[in-house]
Protein backbone atom coordinates (compact mmCIF):
# COMPACT_ATOMS: atom_id res chain seq x y z
CA UNK A 1 4.47 16.99 29.38
CA UNK A 2 4.39 14.15 26.67
CA UNK A 3 0.76 13.44 27.40
CA UNK A 4 -0.15 17.20 27.19
CA UNK A 5 1.62 17.40 23.91
CA UNK A 6 -0.52 14.45 22.59
CA UNK A 7 -3.62 15.67 23.82
CA UNK A 8 -3.02 19.02 22.04
CA UNK A 9 -2.04 17.23 18.80
CA UNK A 10 -5.37 15.10 19.10
CA UNK A 11 -7.39 18.27 19.69
CA UNK A 12 -5.81 19.82 16.67
CA UNK A 13 -6.37 16.92 14.56
CA UNK A 14 -10.11 16.91 15.58
CA UNK A 15 -10.51 20.53 14.60
CA UNK A 16 -8.77 20.19 11.17
CA UNK A 17 -11.21 17.21 10.53
CA UNK A 18 -14.05 19.17 11.78
CA UNK A 19 -13.34 21.98 9.50
CA UNK A 20 -12.93 19.56 6.34
CA UNK A 21 -16.23 18.06 7.31
CA UNK A 22 -18.12 21.30 7.74
CA UNK A 23 -16.85 22.68 4.32
CA UNK A 24 -17.88 19.36 2.56
CA UNK A 25 -21.39 19.61 3.78
CA UNK A 26 -21.95 23.16 2.74
CA UNK A 27 -23.70 23.83 -0.87
CA UNK A 28 -21.30 26.47 -1.54
CA UNK A 29 -17.73 28.01 -0.54
CA UNK A 30 -17.40 29.10 2.90
CA UNK A 31 -16.46 32.31 4.63
CA UNK A 32 -13.89 32.26 7.36
CA UNK A 33 -16.40 33.96 9.87
CA UNK A 34 -19.02 31.43 9.27
CA UNK A 35 -16.80 28.35 9.81
CA UNK A 36 -15.42 30.01 12.96
CA UNK A 37 -18.83 30.90 14.20
CA UNK A 38 -20.63 27.53 13.50
CA UNK A 39 -17.77 25.43 14.74
CA UNK A 40 -17.37 27.70 17.89
CA UNK A 41 -13.62 28.43 17.20
CA UNK A 42 -11.76 31.65 17.24
CA UNK A 43 -11.15 33.15 13.61
CA UNK A 44 -7.41 33.02 14.22
CA UNK A 45 -7.51 29.34 14.96
CA UNK A 46 -9.62 28.48 11.95
CA UNK A 47 -7.42 30.59 9.70
CA UNK A 48 -4.22 28.84 11.04
CA UNK A 49 -5.83 25.43 10.06
CA UNK A 50 -7.13 26.71 6.69
CA UNK A 51 -3.62 27.94 5.81
CA UNK A 52 -2.39 24.45 6.61
CA UNK A 53 -4.82 22.85 4.35
CA UNK A 54 -4.19 25.39 1.63
CA UNK A 55 -0.52 24.54 1.67
CA UNK A 56 -1.29 20.88 1.61
CA UNK A 57 -3.77 21.39 -1.53
CA UNK A 58 -6.87 20.17 0.37
CA UNK A 59 -8.76 23.38 0.15
CA UNK A 60 -8.55 26.49 -2.06
CA UNK A 61 -9.51 30.17 -1.64
CA UNK A 62 -11.42 32.29 -4.15
CA UNK A 63 -9.37 35.20 -4.98
CA UNK A 64 -12.40 37.44 -5.40
CA UNK A 65 -14.69 36.43 -2.46
CA UNK A 66 -11.87 35.04 -0.20
CA UNK A 67 -14.21 31.92 0.43
CA UNK A 68 -12.89 28.56 1.04
CA UNK A 69 -13.84 25.28 -0.71
CA UNK A 70 -12.28 21.69 -0.91
CA UNK A 71 -10.33 20.63 -3.73
CA UNK A 72 -10.39 17.28 -5.62
CA UNK A 73 -7.37 16.18 -3.72
CA UNK A 74 -9.79 14.85 -1.07
CA UNK A 75 -11.39 12.74 -3.57
CA UNK A 76 -8.19 11.26 -4.51
CA UNK A 77 -7.70 10.23 -0.87
CA UNK A 78 -11.15 8.74 -0.76
CA UNK A 79 -10.67 6.83 -4.13
CA UNK A 80 -7.53 5.25 -2.72
CA UNK A 81 -9.41 3.92 0.28
CA UNK A 82 -12.31 2.72 -2.01
CA UNK A 83 -9.91 1.03 -4.20
CA UNK A 84 -8.42 -0.81 -1.49
CA UNK A 85 -11.60 -2.02 -0.03
CA UNK A 86 -12.92 -3.07 -3.49
CA UNK A 87 -9.67 -4.83 -4.33
CA UNK A 88 -10.01 -6.78 -1.12
CA UNK A 89 -13.59 -7.80 -1.91
CA UNK A 90 -12.68 -8.76 -5.37
CA UNK A 91 -9.47 -10.71 -4.43
CA UNK A 92 -10.70 -12.46 -1.44
CA UNK A 93 -12.65 -15.40 -3.22
CA UNK A 94 -9.70 -16.04 -5.58
CA UNK A 95 -7.40 -16.06 -2.52
CA UNK A 96 -9.49 -18.50 -0.62
CA UNK A 97 -9.72 -20.76 -3.67
CA UNK A 98 -5.87 -20.65 -4.16
CA UNK A 99 -5.19 -21.24 -0.57
CA UNK A 100 -7.64 -24.24 -0.67
CA UNK A 101 -5.93 -25.81 -3.71
CA UNK A 102 -2.45 -25.32 -2.37
CA UNK A 103 -2.93 -25.60 1.17
CA UNK A 104 -0.57 -22.66 1.78
CA UNK A 105 -1.14 -19.05 3.06
CA UNK A 106 -2.16 -16.42 0.52
CA UNK A 107 -1.51 -12.63 0.90
CA UNK A 108 -2.66 -9.57 -0.78
CA UNK A 109 -0.35 -6.53 -0.45
CA UNK A 110 -0.06 -3.03 -1.51
CA UNK A 111 2.97 -0.47 -1.54
CA UNK A 112 2.59 2.40 0.91
CA UNK A 113 4.95 4.91 1.88
CA UNK A 114 8.15 2.71 0.89
CA UNK A 115 6.83 -0.25 2.76
CA UNK A 116 4.59 -3.33 1.94
CA UNK A 117 1.07 -3.20 3.57
CA UNK A 118 -0.68 -6.42 3.80
CA UNK A 119 -4.44 -5.56 3.04
CA UNK A 120 -5.80 -9.40 3.29
CA UNK A 121 -4.61 -12.65 4.27
CA UNK A 122 -5.98 -16.29 4.01
CA UNK A 123 -4.09 -18.59 6.26
CA UNK A 124 -3.04 -22.04 5.12
CA UNK A 125 -3.57 -25.41 6.81
CA UNK A 126 -0.81 -24.86 9.40
CA UNK A 127 -1.26 -21.12 9.67
CA UNK A 128 2.43 -20.28 8.90
CA UNK A 129 1.73 -16.64 7.86
CA UNK A 130 4.67 -14.73 9.09
CA UNK A 131 4.47 -12.30 12.04
CA UNK A 132 4.77 -9.32 9.51
CA UNK A 133 2.01 -10.68 7.28
CA UNK A 134 -0.97 -9.74 9.30
CA UNK A 135 -3.70 -7.49 7.84
CA UNK A 136 -2.73 -3.85 8.25
CA UNK A 137 1.05 -4.72 9.18
CA UNK A 138 3.86 -3.38 7.07
CA UNK A 139 7.07 -5.18 5.90
CA UNK A 140 10.37 -4.02 4.17
CA UNK A 141 10.51 -3.93 0.31
CA UNK A 142 13.96 -5.25 -0.35
CA UNK A 143 13.68 -8.60 1.51
CA UNK A 144 10.09 -9.59 0.47
CA UNK A 145 8.89 -11.04 -2.81
CA UNK A 146 5.95 -8.61 -3.01
CA UNK A 147 8.28 -5.63 -2.21
CA UNK A 148 10.74 -6.70 -5.04
CA UNK A 149 8.03 -6.55 -7.52
CA UNK A 150 7.06 -3.05 -6.64
CA UNK A 151 10.68 -1.93 -6.69
CA UNK A 152 11.03 -3.70 -10.10
CA UNK A 153 9.07 -0.87 -11.56
CA UNK A 154 11.30 1.69 -10.31
CA UNK A 155 13.89 3.33 -12.57
CA UNK A 156 17.80 3.23 -11.55
CA UNK A 157 17.56 6.67 -9.73
CA UNK A 158 14.32 5.69 -7.80
CA UNK A 159 16.14 2.55 -6.53
CA UNK A 160 19.22 4.54 -5.43
CA UNK A 161 16.94 6.96 -3.70
CA UNK A 162 14.95 4.14 -2.20
CA UNK A 163 18.22 2.53 -0.88
CA UNK A 164 19.50 5.86 0.59
CA UNK A 165 16.15 6.71 2.12
CA UNK A 166 15.17 3.30 3.62
CA UNK A 167 18.60 1.47 3.86
CA UNK A 168 18.90 -2.32 3.26
CA UNK A 169 18.74 -3.63 6.92
CA UNK A 170 19.71 -7.32 7.39
CA UNK A 171 17.01 -9.66 8.93
CA UNK A 172 18.71 -13.01 7.86
CA UNK A 173 21.76 -14.46 6.34
CA UNK A 174 19.88 -14.27 2.95
CA UNK A 175 18.78 -10.84 3.09
CA UNK A 176 19.95 -8.64 0.26
CA UNK A 177 22.17 -5.86 1.78
CA UNK A 178 23.81 -4.05 -1.17
CA UNK A 179 22.67 -1.86 -3.90
CA UNK A 180 24.46 -3.93 -6.54
CA UNK A 181 22.69 -7.19 -5.37
CA UNK A 182 19.28 -5.54 -5.10
CA UNK A 183 19.53 -4.08 -8.72
CA UNK A 184 20.59 -7.42 -10.11
CA UNK A 185 17.62 -9.09 -8.20
CA UNK A 186 15.39 -6.59 -9.67
CA UNK A 187 16.41 -7.18 -13.19
CA UNK A 188 15.75 -10.99 -12.66
CA UNK A 189 12.34 -10.08 -11.22
CA UNK A 190 11.54 -7.99 -14.11
CA UNK A 191 12.45 -10.66 -16.58
CA UNK A 192 10.69 -13.60 -14.77
CA UNK A 193 7.60 -11.62 -13.96
CA UNK A 194 7.55 -12.95 -10.33
CA UNK A 195 9.58 -12.52 -7.17
CA UNK A 196 10.80 -14.84 -4.40
CA UNK A 197 11.63 -14.31 -0.82
CA UNK A 198 13.81 -17.11 0.18
CA UNK A 199 14.22 -16.89 4.02
CA UNK A 200 15.40 -13.24 3.29
CA UNK A 201 12.79 -11.71 5.71
CA UNK A 202 12.35 -14.71 8.14
CA UNK A 203 13.92 -17.87 8.66
CA UNK A 204 11.86 -21.06 7.82
CA UNK A 205 9.50 -19.35 5.48
CA UNK A 206 9.73 -19.03 1.74
CA UNK A 207 7.36 -16.90 -0.34
CA UNK A 208 6.53 -16.32 -4.20
CA UNK A 209 4.79 -13.32 -5.26
CA UNK A 210 3.10 -12.30 -8.47
CA UNK A 211 1.87 -8.83 -9.72
CA UNK A 212 -1.72 -7.50 -9.81
CA UNK A 213 -2.01 -4.97 -12.58
CA UNK A 214 -4.47 -2.31 -13.53
CA UNK A 215 -5.62 -1.25 -17.01
CA UNK A 216 -2.24 0.50 -17.57
CA UNK A 217 -0.32 -2.59 -16.79
CA UNK A 218 1.08 -0.95 -13.72
CA UNK A 219 1.49 -3.08 -10.56
CA UNK A 220 -0.98 -2.03 -8.10
CA UNK A 221 -0.85 -5.00 -5.73
CA UNK A 222 0.61 -8.43 -5.24
CA UNK A 223 -0.67 -11.76 -4.47
CA UNK A 224 1.73 -14.11 -2.75
CA UNK A 225 2.07 -17.67 -1.38
CA UNK A 226 4.03 -18.26 1.89
CA UNK A 227 4.93 -21.75 3.22
CA UNK A 228 7.68 -23.49 5.20
CA UNK A 229 10.78 -23.95 3.51
CA UNK A 230 10.62 -27.70 3.46
CA UNK A 231 7.56 -27.56 1.43
CA UNK A 232 8.39 -24.69 -0.72
CA UNK A 233 11.10 -26.23 -2.84
CA UNK A 234 12.18 -24.96 -6.32
CA UNK A 235 10.20 -27.76 -7.85
CA UNK A 236 7.05 -27.07 -5.87
CA UNK A 237 7.16 -23.44 -6.88
CA UNK A 238 7.46 -24.22 -10.53
CA UNK A 239 4.42 -26.53 -10.06
CA UNK A 240 2.27 -24.00 -8.44
CA UNK A 241 3.48 -20.89 -10.20
CA UNK A 242 1.08 -21.05 -13.22
CA UNK A 243 -1.89 -21.31 -10.67
CA UNK A 244 -0.74 -18.22 -8.88
CA UNK A 245 -0.14 -16.35 -12.16
CA UNK A 246 -3.50 -17.37 -13.37
CA UNK A 247 -5.04 -16.17 -10.09
CA UNK A 248 -3.40 -12.91 -10.26
CA UNK A 249 -4.61 -12.42 -13.98
CA UNK A 250 -8.15 -13.19 -12.86
CA UNK A 251 -7.97 -10.57 -10.13
CA UNK A 252 -6.40 -8.00 -12.52
CA UNK A 253 -9.04 -8.61 -15.25
CA UNK A 254 -11.75 -7.97 -12.55
CA UNK A 255 -9.82 -4.65 -11.74
CA UNK A 256 -9.97 -3.66 -15.31
CA UNK A 257 -6.68 -4.99 -16.80
CA UNK A 258 -6.93 -6.16 -20.20
CA UNK A 259 -4.01 -8.20 -21.56
CA UNK A 260 -4.54 -7.34 -25.16
CA UNK A 261 -3.71 -3.65 -24.20
CA UNK A 262 -0.30 -4.48 -22.64
């Protein structure tokens, strides 16, 4: 039964995508009948999917002709994908250089759906990259340095909503598990301009994260250094922090950030 539901869902997804691709290829807005005929679907099926796309804002319907066309929302999705890919391409040489200088693992991460997603990773000499820090994997925000940086941009109500939605699950004895402690930590992160994960997500690993900003000074990604707790002492972090900050600034500049504007 579950397999049948999954098959039907896959078929529905394929049909929706075929409709989007069909409309995108047409030189002008499309009639329902033409879409159904060319894609060999029943008009009622096409109409059902078109209504879903209308409700989601991905297509629009002309009131006079009743024809359908794509909206610019689809461009927004493609721009997000393009920005991630270009960001990885821009950041990777800097990440490799930083990892070579420090001998530690370097990660590039973004915020997505209230989680942190790692989009690029350069492993250090002993390959101590944490299990969660693999390309494409996600991590919680409240117990990672990179997540705290993104949360530091939230206002008080957004932080409260985040906690209500996601909770503050405990991963280690060092994990922040109360709203008060999280808010206090975020104030510190905002003041100092970087964030630390001190064995809060995984025992034995310590991470320091620095923001990558766009032309509006908004944090759009983070770069972080992860190493074993015995190497990542407070003294070591103070020593390497300027290098990490400088690397993040160089990547930010490549992405259009201009410090003079901030």
